[in-house]
Amino acid sequence: MPEHKWAPPEHPDVTLDEPYGLGPEHIEGPGERLATPRPVYVWIRYQHAGLLRLKGFAIAHTPVAALVQVTWQGRLQQVWCWRAAVKNRTLKDRSRRR
């Protein structure tokens, strides 16, 4: 009987689309962490996908910028954005049963 040896499938690594964020020179300070992440809509520009409006959570802020967590391509990403690109959103009430 021939012996079979398992080998992982060979798939090329998927290149993640990286967001363009603000550099340290634009953030104006280390940022103040929020006690509770705030749900937001945020406009983020990606290298290949372009400008996208995504749902995310603001986790820190400065007078001119906000640090936002978003999920894009199945991965959690953090990016500093201008505060003007970030708008508060309200989470749906999930306590009610259908």
N, C-alpha and C. Protein backbone atom coordinates (compact mmCIF):
# COMPACT_ATOMS: atom_id res chain seq x y z
N MET A 1 0.86 -1.17 0.00
CA MET A 1 0.00 0.00 0.00
C MET A 1 0.90 1.23 0.00
N PRO A 2 0.67 2.17 -0.93
CA PRO A 2 1.50 3.37 -0.97
C PRO A 2 1.22 4.24 0.26
N GLU A 3 2.26 4.86 0.72
CA GLU A 3 2.13 5.74 1.88
C GLU A 3 1.88 7.16 1.40
N HIS A 4 0.85 7.80 1.96
CA HIS A 4 0.52 9.17 1.59
C HIS A 4 0.99 10.11 2.68
N LYS A 5 1.62 11.14 2.28
CA LYS A 5 2.10 12.13 3.23
C LYS A 5 1.28 13.40 3.05
N TRP A 6 0.73 13.90 4.15
CA TRP A 6 -0.08 15.11 4.08
C TRP A 6 0.82 16.32 3.90
N ALA A 7 0.36 17.23 3.08
CA ALA A 7 1.06 18.50 2.88
C ALA A 7 0.01 19.60 2.83
N PRO A 8 0.29 20.75 3.42
CA PRO A 8 -0.69 21.83 3.37
C PRO A 8 -0.89 22.30 1.94
N PRO A 9 -2.09 22.78 1.63
CA PRO A 9 -2.32 23.29 0.28
C PRO A 9 -1.45 24.51 0.02
N GLU A 10 -1.09 24.68 -1.20
CA GLU A 10 -0.26 25.82 -1.57
C GLU A 10 -1.13 26.92 -2.16
N HIS A 11 -1.36 27.95 -1.36
CA HIS A 11 -2.14 29.10 -1.80
C HIS A 11 -1.27 30.34 -1.62
N PRO A 12 -1.30 31.21 -2.57
CA PRO A 12 -0.53 32.45 -2.37
C PRO A 12 -1.16 33.28 -1.26
N ASP A 13 -0.34 33.96 -0.51
CA ASP A 13 -0.85 34.85 0.53
C ASP A 13 -1.64 35.98 -0.12
N VAL A 14 -2.76 36.30 0.48
CA VAL A 14 -3.58 37.39 -0.02
C VAL A 14 -3.00 38.70 0.49
N THR A 15 -2.78 39.62 -0.40
CA THR A 15 -2.28 40.93 -0.02
C THR A 15 -3.43 41.75 0.54
N LEU A 16 -3.25 42.23 1.75
CA LEU A 16 -4.29 43.05 2.37
C LEU A 16 -4.23 44.46 1.83
N ASP A 17 -5.40 45.02 1.61
CA ASP A 17 -5.50 46.40 1.17
C ASP A 17 -5.27 47.29 2.39
N GLU A 18 -4.22 48.06 2.36
CA GLU A 18 -3.84 48.89 3.50
C GLU A 18 -4.54 50.24 3.46
N PRO A 19 -5.03 50.71 4.61
CA PRO A 19 -5.66 52.03 4.65
C PRO A 19 -4.61 53.13 4.71
N TYR A 20 -4.95 54.27 4.14
CA TYR A 20 -4.13 55.46 4.31
C TYR A 20 -4.60 56.14 5.58
N GLY A 21 -3.71 56.38 6.50
CA GLY A 21 -4.05 57.04 7.75
C GLY A 21 -3.19 58.27 7.96
N LEU A 22 -3.46 58.97 9.03
CA LEU A 22 -2.69 60.16 9.36
C LEU A 22 -1.37 59.76 10.01
N GLY A 23 -0.33 60.49 9.70
CA GLY A 23 0.96 60.28 10.33
C GLY A 23 1.04 61.02 11.65
N PRO A 24 2.08 60.74 12.44
CA PRO A 24 2.23 61.37 13.75
C PRO A 24 2.27 62.90 13.70
N GLU A 25 2.73 63.45 12.59
CA GLU A 25 2.81 64.91 12.48
C GLU A 25 1.44 65.56 12.38
N HIS A 26 0.39 64.80 12.04
CA HIS A 26 -0.96 65.35 11.93
C HIS A 26 -1.83 65.08 13.15
N ILE A 27 -1.44 64.13 13.98
CA ILE A 27 -2.31 63.68 15.08
C ILE A 27 -2.34 64.66 16.25
N GLU A 28 -1.28 65.38 16.47
CA GLU A 28 -1.18 66.36 17.56
C GLU A 28 -1.30 65.73 18.93
N GLY A 29 -0.36 64.89 19.27
CA GLY A 29 -0.32 64.31 20.61
C GLY A 29 -0.56 62.82 20.60
N PRO A 30 -0.44 62.21 21.79
CA PRO A 30 -0.57 60.76 21.89
C PRO A 30 -2.02 60.27 21.80
N GLY A 31 -2.96 61.13 22.02
CA GLY A 31 -4.36 60.72 21.97
C GLY A 31 -4.88 60.29 23.32
N GLU A 32 -6.12 60.60 23.56
CA GLU A 32 -6.79 60.23 24.82
C GLU A 32 -7.65 59.01 24.55
N ARG A 33 -7.41 57.93 25.30
CA ARG A 33 -8.18 56.70 25.13
C ARG A 33 -9.60 56.93 25.64
N LEU A 34 -10.57 56.37 24.94
CA LEU A 34 -11.96 56.43 25.38
C LEU A 34 -12.20 55.28 26.35
N ALA A 35 -12.97 55.51 27.41
CA ALA A 35 -13.25 54.47 28.39
C ALA A 35 -14.02 53.32 27.74
N THR A 36 -14.95 53.66 26.86
CA THR A 36 -15.74 52.68 26.12
C THR A 36 -15.63 53.00 24.65
N PRO A 37 -15.32 52.03 23.79
CA PRO A 37 -15.28 52.31 22.36
C PRO A 37 -16.61 52.87 21.87
N ARG A 38 -16.55 53.88 21.03
CA ARG A 38 -17.75 54.56 20.54
C ARG A 38 -18.05 54.10 19.11
N PRO A 39 -19.29 53.62 18.84
CA PRO A 39 -19.62 53.20 17.48
C PRO A 39 -19.66 54.41 16.54
N VAL A 40 -19.04 54.25 15.38
CA VAL A 40 -18.94 55.36 14.42
C VAL A 40 -19.06 54.85 12.99
N TYR A 41 -19.35 55.78 12.09
CA TYR A 41 -19.14 55.60 10.65
C TYR A 41 -17.88 56.38 10.33
N VAL A 42 -17.05 55.83 9.46
CA VAL A 42 -15.80 56.51 9.14
C VAL A 42 -15.49 56.36 7.65
N TRP A 43 -14.99 57.43 7.07
CA TRP A 43 -14.51 57.42 5.69
C TRP A 43 -13.03 57.11 5.72
N ILE A 44 -12.64 56.02 5.05
CA ILE A 44 -11.23 55.62 4.99
C ILE A 44 -10.86 55.36 3.53
N ARG A 45 -9.70 55.85 3.14
CA ARG A 45 -9.20 55.60 1.78
C ARG A 45 -8.21 54.43 1.82
N TYR A 46 -8.47 53.45 0.96
CA TYR A 46 -7.60 52.29 0.82
C TYR A 46 -6.82 52.38 -0.49
N GLN A 47 -5.67 51.72 -0.52
CA GLN A 47 -4.80 51.77 -1.69
C GLN A 47 -5.52 51.29 -2.95
N HIS A 48 -6.22 50.17 -2.87
CA HIS A 48 -6.84 49.58 -4.06
C HIS A 48 -8.35 49.79 -4.12
N ALA A 49 -9.01 49.76 -2.98
CA ALA A 49 -10.48 49.86 -2.96
C ALA A 49 -10.96 51.30 -3.06
N GLY A 50 -10.10 52.25 -2.78
CA GLY A 50 -10.51 53.66 -2.83
C GLY A 50 -11.14 54.11 -1.53
N LEU A 51 -12.02 55.09 -1.63
CA LEU A 51 -12.66 55.69 -0.46
C LEU A 51 -13.89 54.87 -0.07
N LEU A 52 -13.92 54.40 1.18
CA LEU A 52 -15.02 53.58 1.67
C LEU A 52 -15.58 54.17 2.96
N ARG A 53 -16.89 54.07 3.11
CA ARG A 53 -17.54 54.43 4.37
C ARG A 53 -17.81 53.13 5.12
N LEU A 54 -17.17 52.98 6.27
CA LEU A 54 -17.25 51.74 7.03
C LEU A 54 -17.80 51.98 8.42
N LYS A 55 -18.34 50.93 9.00
CA LYS A 55 -18.73 50.96 10.41
C LYS A 55 -17.50 50.58 11.22
N GLY A 56 -17.32 51.25 12.34
CA GLY A 56 -16.18 50.95 13.19
C GLY A 56 -16.42 51.45 14.59
N PHE A 57 -15.33 51.49 15.36
CA PHE A 57 -15.38 51.97 16.73
C PHE A 57 -14.22 52.90 16.98
N ALA A 58 -14.52 54.10 17.48
CA ALA A 58 -13.46 55.04 17.87
C ALA A 58 -12.95 54.60 19.23
N ILE A 59 -11.62 54.52 19.37
CA ILE A 59 -11.04 54.06 20.63
C ILE A 59 -10.15 55.11 21.28
N ALA A 60 -9.78 56.16 20.53
CA ALA A 60 -8.97 57.25 21.08
C ALA A 60 -9.18 58.47 20.20
N HIS A 61 -8.81 59.65 20.73
CA HIS A 61 -8.97 60.87 19.94
C HIS A 61 -8.01 61.94 20.41
N THR A 62 -7.78 62.90 19.52
CA THR A 62 -7.05 64.13 19.81
C THR A 62 -7.96 65.25 19.35
N PRO A 63 -7.58 66.51 19.50
CA PRO A 63 -8.43 67.60 19.00
C PRO A 63 -8.72 67.53 17.50
N VAL A 64 -7.85 66.90 16.71
CA VAL A 64 -8.04 66.90 15.25
C VAL A 64 -8.19 65.52 14.64
N ALA A 65 -7.95 64.45 15.40
CA ALA A 65 -7.95 63.11 14.82
C ALA A 65 -8.62 62.11 15.75
N ALA A 66 -9.01 60.95 15.18
CA ALA A 66 -9.59 59.86 15.96
C ALA A 66 -8.94 58.55 15.52
N LEU A 67 -8.67 57.69 16.49
CA LEU A 67 -8.16 56.36 16.20
C LEU A 67 -9.36 55.43 16.11
N VAL A 68 -9.55 54.82 14.95
CA VAL A 68 -10.74 54.03 14.68
C VAL A 68 -10.34 52.59 14.37
N GLN A 69 -11.10 51.64 14.92
CA GLN A 69 -10.94 50.23 14.58
C GLN A 69 -12.04 49.86 13.60
N VAL A 70 -11.65 49.24 12.49
CA VAL A 70 -12.61 48.76 11.50
C VAL A 70 -12.23 47.33 11.13
N THR A 71 -13.19 46.61 10.59
CA THR A 71 -12.92 45.28 10.06
C THR A 71 -13.06 45.36 8.55
N TRP A 72 -11.97 45.06 7.86
CA TRP A 72 -11.96 45.12 6.41
C TRP A 72 -11.21 43.90 5.91
N GLN A 73 -11.79 43.20 4.96
CA GLN A 73 -11.22 41.96 4.42
C GLN A 73 -11.03 40.92 5.52
N GLY A 74 -11.93 40.92 6.49
CA GLY A 74 -11.88 39.93 7.55
C GLY A 74 -10.81 40.15 8.59
N ARG A 75 -10.18 41.31 8.56
CA ARG A 75 -9.11 41.60 9.52
C ARG A 75 -9.41 42.89 10.26
N LEU A 76 -9.05 42.91 11.53
CA LEU A 76 -9.20 44.11 12.34
C LEU A 76 -8.06 45.06 12.00
N GLN A 77 -8.39 46.30 11.68
CA GLN A 77 -7.39 47.31 11.36
C GLN A 77 -7.64 48.55 12.21
N GLN A 78 -6.58 49.24 12.57
CA GLN A 78 -6.68 50.50 13.29
C GLN A 78 -6.05 51.58 12.43
N VAL A 79 -6.72 52.72 12.36
CA VAL A 79 -6.20 53.81 11.55
C VAL A 79 -6.58 55.15 12.18
N TRP A 80 -5.63 56.09 12.16
CA TRP A 80 -5.91 57.46 12.61
C TRP A 80 -6.54 58.21 11.44
N CYS A 81 -7.68 58.86 11.69
CA CYS A 81 -8.42 59.61 10.67
C CYS A 81 -8.69 61.02 11.17
N TRP A 82 -8.95 61.92 10.23
CA TRP A 82 -9.41 63.26 10.62
C TRP A 82 -10.74 63.11 11.34
N ARG A 83 -10.96 63.92 12.36
CA ARG A 83 -12.24 63.84 13.09
C ARG A 83 -13.42 64.18 12.19
N ALA A 84 -13.21 65.00 11.18
CA ALA A 84 -14.30 65.34 10.27
C ALA A 84 -14.77 64.13 9.46
N ALA A 85 -13.94 63.09 9.34
CA ALA A 85 -14.30 61.88 8.59
C ALA A 85 -15.03 60.86 9.46
N VAL A 86 -15.22 61.17 10.74
CA VAL A 86 -15.81 60.24 11.69
C VAL A 86 -17.13 60.81 12.21
N LYS A 87 -18.19 60.02 12.11
CA LYS A 87 -19.52 60.43 12.60
C LYS A 87 -20.05 59.36 13.55
N ASN A 88 -20.68 59.80 14.64
CA ASN A 88 -21.27 58.85 15.60
C ASN A 88 -22.39 58.07 14.94
N ARG A 89 -22.58 56.84 15.39
CA ARG A 89 -23.71 56.02 14.94
C ARG A 89 -24.32 55.36 16.17
N THR A 90 -25.54 54.89 16.03
CA THR A 90 -26.24 54.25 17.12
C THR A 90 -26.36 52.77 16.83
N LEU A 91 -26.03 51.95 17.81
CA LEU A 91 -26.18 50.51 17.64
C LEU A 91 -27.64 50.13 17.78
N LYS A 92 -28.07 49.13 17.03
CA LYS A 92 -29.44 48.64 17.12
C LYS A 92 -29.63 47.92 18.46
N ASP A 93 -30.83 48.06 19.01
CA ASP A 93 -31.16 47.39 20.25
C ASP A 93 -31.36 45.91 19.96
N ARG A 94 -30.50 45.06 20.52
CA ARG A 94 -30.58 43.63 20.25
C ARG A 94 -31.20 42.87 21.41
N SER A 95 -31.72 43.58 22.40
CA SER A 95 -32.28 42.90 23.56
C SER A 95 -33.69 42.39 23.30
N ARG A 96 -34.38 42.96 22.30
CA ARG A 96 -35.74 42.51 21.98
C ARG A 96 -35.69 41.22 21.18
N ARG A 97 -36.63 40.34 21.47
CA ARG A 97 -36.74 39.10 20.69
C ARG A 97 -37.69 39.32 19.54
N ARG A 98 -37.44 38.61 18.48
CA ARG A 98 -38.32 38.72 17.30
C ARG A 98 -39.50 37.83 17.42
